[in-house]
Protein backbone atom coordinates (compact mmCIF):
# COMPACT_ATOMS: atom_id res chain seq x y z
CA MET A 1 285.99 132.33 44.59
CA ALA A 2 283.57 133.41 47.29
CA ASP A 3 284.17 132.28 50.85
CA ALA A 4 280.42 132.23 51.58
CA THR A 5 277.38 131.02 49.66
CA LEU A 6 273.79 132.25 49.86
CA VAL A 7 271.20 129.64 48.86
CA TYR A 8 267.75 130.99 48.01
CA ASP A 9 264.39 130.18 46.41
CA ASP A 10 265.05 131.02 42.77
CA ASP A 11 261.42 130.39 41.89
CA CYS A 12 260.39 133.54 43.81
CA GLY A 13 260.64 136.99 42.22
CA PHE A 14 260.99 138.72 45.61
CA CYS A 15 263.74 136.29 46.64
CA THR A 16 265.46 136.75 43.27
CA TRP A 17 265.43 140.54 43.76
CA TRP A 18 267.22 140.13 47.09
CA ALA A 19 269.66 137.57 45.68
CA GLU A 20 270.63 140.04 42.95
CA PHE A 21 270.92 142.80 45.56
CA PHE A 22 273.40 140.70 47.52
CA ASP A 23 275.19 139.60 44.35
CA ASP A 24 275.75 143.23 43.34
CA ARG A 25 276.98 144.33 46.77
CA SER A 26 279.00 141.42 48.12
CA ASP A 27 281.40 138.66 47.23
CA LEU A 28 278.85 135.98 48.11
CA GLU A 29 278.30 133.11 45.73
CA ILE A 30 274.57 133.06 44.97
CA VAL A 31 272.97 129.65 44.36
CA GLY A 32 269.30 128.99 43.68
CA PHE A 33 267.49 125.93 44.99
CA SER A 34 267.22 124.66 41.41
CA ASP A 35 271.02 124.68 41.05
CA LEU A 36 271.68 122.47 44.08
CA GLU A 37 271.55 119.23 42.07
CA GLY A 38 274.86 120.22 40.50
CA LYS A 39 276.39 121.07 43.89
CA PRO A 40 276.18 117.95 46.08
CA GLU A 41 278.78 119.20 48.58
CA LEU A 42 276.77 122.37 49.20
CA ARG A 43 273.48 120.46 49.35
CA ALA A 44 274.97 118.18 52.02
CA LYS A 45 275.50 121.23 54.25
CA LEU A 46 271.82 122.17 54.16
CA PRO A 47 269.00 120.75 56.29
CA ASP A 48 266.62 118.18 54.82
CA GLU A 49 263.85 120.78 54.58
CA TYR A 50 266.14 123.38 53.02
CA GLU A 51 263.35 124.84 50.86
CA THR A 52 261.60 126.39 53.89
CA CYS A 53 263.96 129.40 53.90
CA SER A 54 267.26 130.82 52.67
CA HIS A 55 270.64 129.66 53.95
CA LEU A 56 274.14 131.07 54.04
CA VAL A 57 277.10 128.72 54.34
CA ALA A 58 280.41 130.26 55.43
CA ASP A 59 283.51 128.91 57.16
CA GLY A 60 281.83 125.62 57.98
CA THR A 61 278.82 127.34 59.57
CA ARG A 62 275.28 127.33 58.21
CA TYR A 63 273.01 130.27 58.89
CA SER A 64 269.34 129.67 58.11
CA CYS A 65 266.28 131.83 57.64
CA GLY A 66 266.65 135.26 59.29
CA ALA A 67 270.22 134.54 60.33
CA SER A 68 271.13 133.90 56.68
CA ILE A 69 269.82 137.29 55.55
CA GLU A 70 271.48 139.02 58.49
CA GLU A 71 274.80 137.38 57.64
CA ALA A 72 274.35 138.19 53.93
CA TRP A 73 273.86 141.87 54.86
CA LEU A 74 277.06 141.76 56.89
CA HIS A 75 278.91 140.57 53.76
CA THR A 76 277.80 143.65 51.79
CA ASP A 77 279.61 146.94 51.48
CA LEU A 78 276.70 148.51 53.40
CA GLY A 79 276.51 145.94 56.18
CA SER A 80 280.18 145.74 57.01
CA PHE A 81 279.80 148.85 59.18
CA ALA A 82 276.98 147.20 61.12
CA ARG A 83 278.95 144.13 62.22
CA PRO A 84 279.85 145.47 65.73
CA VAL A 85 276.20 146.39 66.35
CA VAL A 86 274.92 143.01 65.15
CA GLU A 87 277.50 141.15 67.22
CA THR A 88 276.29 143.04 70.29
CA LEU A 89 272.63 142.37 69.44
CA ARG A 90 273.39 138.66 69.09
CA THR A 91 274.28 138.57 72.79
CA ILE A 92 270.72 139.62 73.68
CA GLY A 93 268.56 136.53 74.08
CA MET A 94 265.39 137.86 72.48
CA TYR A 95 267.20 139.35 69.49
CA GLY A 96 267.34 136.04 67.61
CA VAL A 97 263.66 135.43 68.27
CA ALA A 98 262.77 138.91 66.97
CA ARG A 99 265.00 138.47 63.90
CA GLU A 100 263.37 135.17 62.99
CA TRP A 101 259.88 136.59 63.62
CA GLY A 102 260.67 139.43 61.20
CA TYR A 103 262.03 137.02 58.61
CA ARG A 104 258.87 134.90 58.79
CA ARG A 105 256.64 138.01 58.51
CA PHE A 106 258.39 138.99 55.27
CA SER A 107 258.85 135.52 53.80
CA GLY A 108 255.27 134.56 54.55
CA ASN A 109 254.07 137.55 52.53
CA ARG A 110 256.38 137.26 49.51
CA SER A 111 253.51 137.72 47.06
CA PHE A 112 252.73 141.13 48.59
CA TRP A 113 256.36 142.26 48.81
CA GLY A 114 256.96 140.90 45.32
CA ARG A 115 254.62 143.57 43.96
CA LEU A 116 257.08 146.15 45.25
CA LEU A 117 260.43 144.38 44.74
CA SER A 118 260.66 141.62 42.20
CA LYS A 119 262.92 140.24 39.48
CA THR A 120 262.07 137.58 36.98
CA PRO A 121 263.41 134.32 38.38
CA PRO A 122 266.14 132.66 36.30
CA VAL A 123 265.08 130.52 33.37
CA ARG A 124 265.21 126.78 34.13
CA ARG A 125 267.17 124.64 31.70
């Protein structure tokens, strides 16, 4: 069982592409927004407006938006080497602001990025 869970918008092809990327390269449990009804304990760890961005829940901590993607990267085979750099960057006050700005620039343009990187979202049952 995974020790961390990434929660994402499984109605978005661009988001689904990234979720599959992380699923292939990490031990994260991947859960779409549509699957949260069956996971009340996980849903309780998310903010009320959870659908505004992705979230990663690990060790009792919730990372949201840009922080969730950053933490997901650090759980991959590729990102594990970057952990010391990211931990240093996190001590710089403006780093978090820049990370979240970048996340919003990408997430706000998902339709554009989805033309380049996209997977068919899972079928709803």
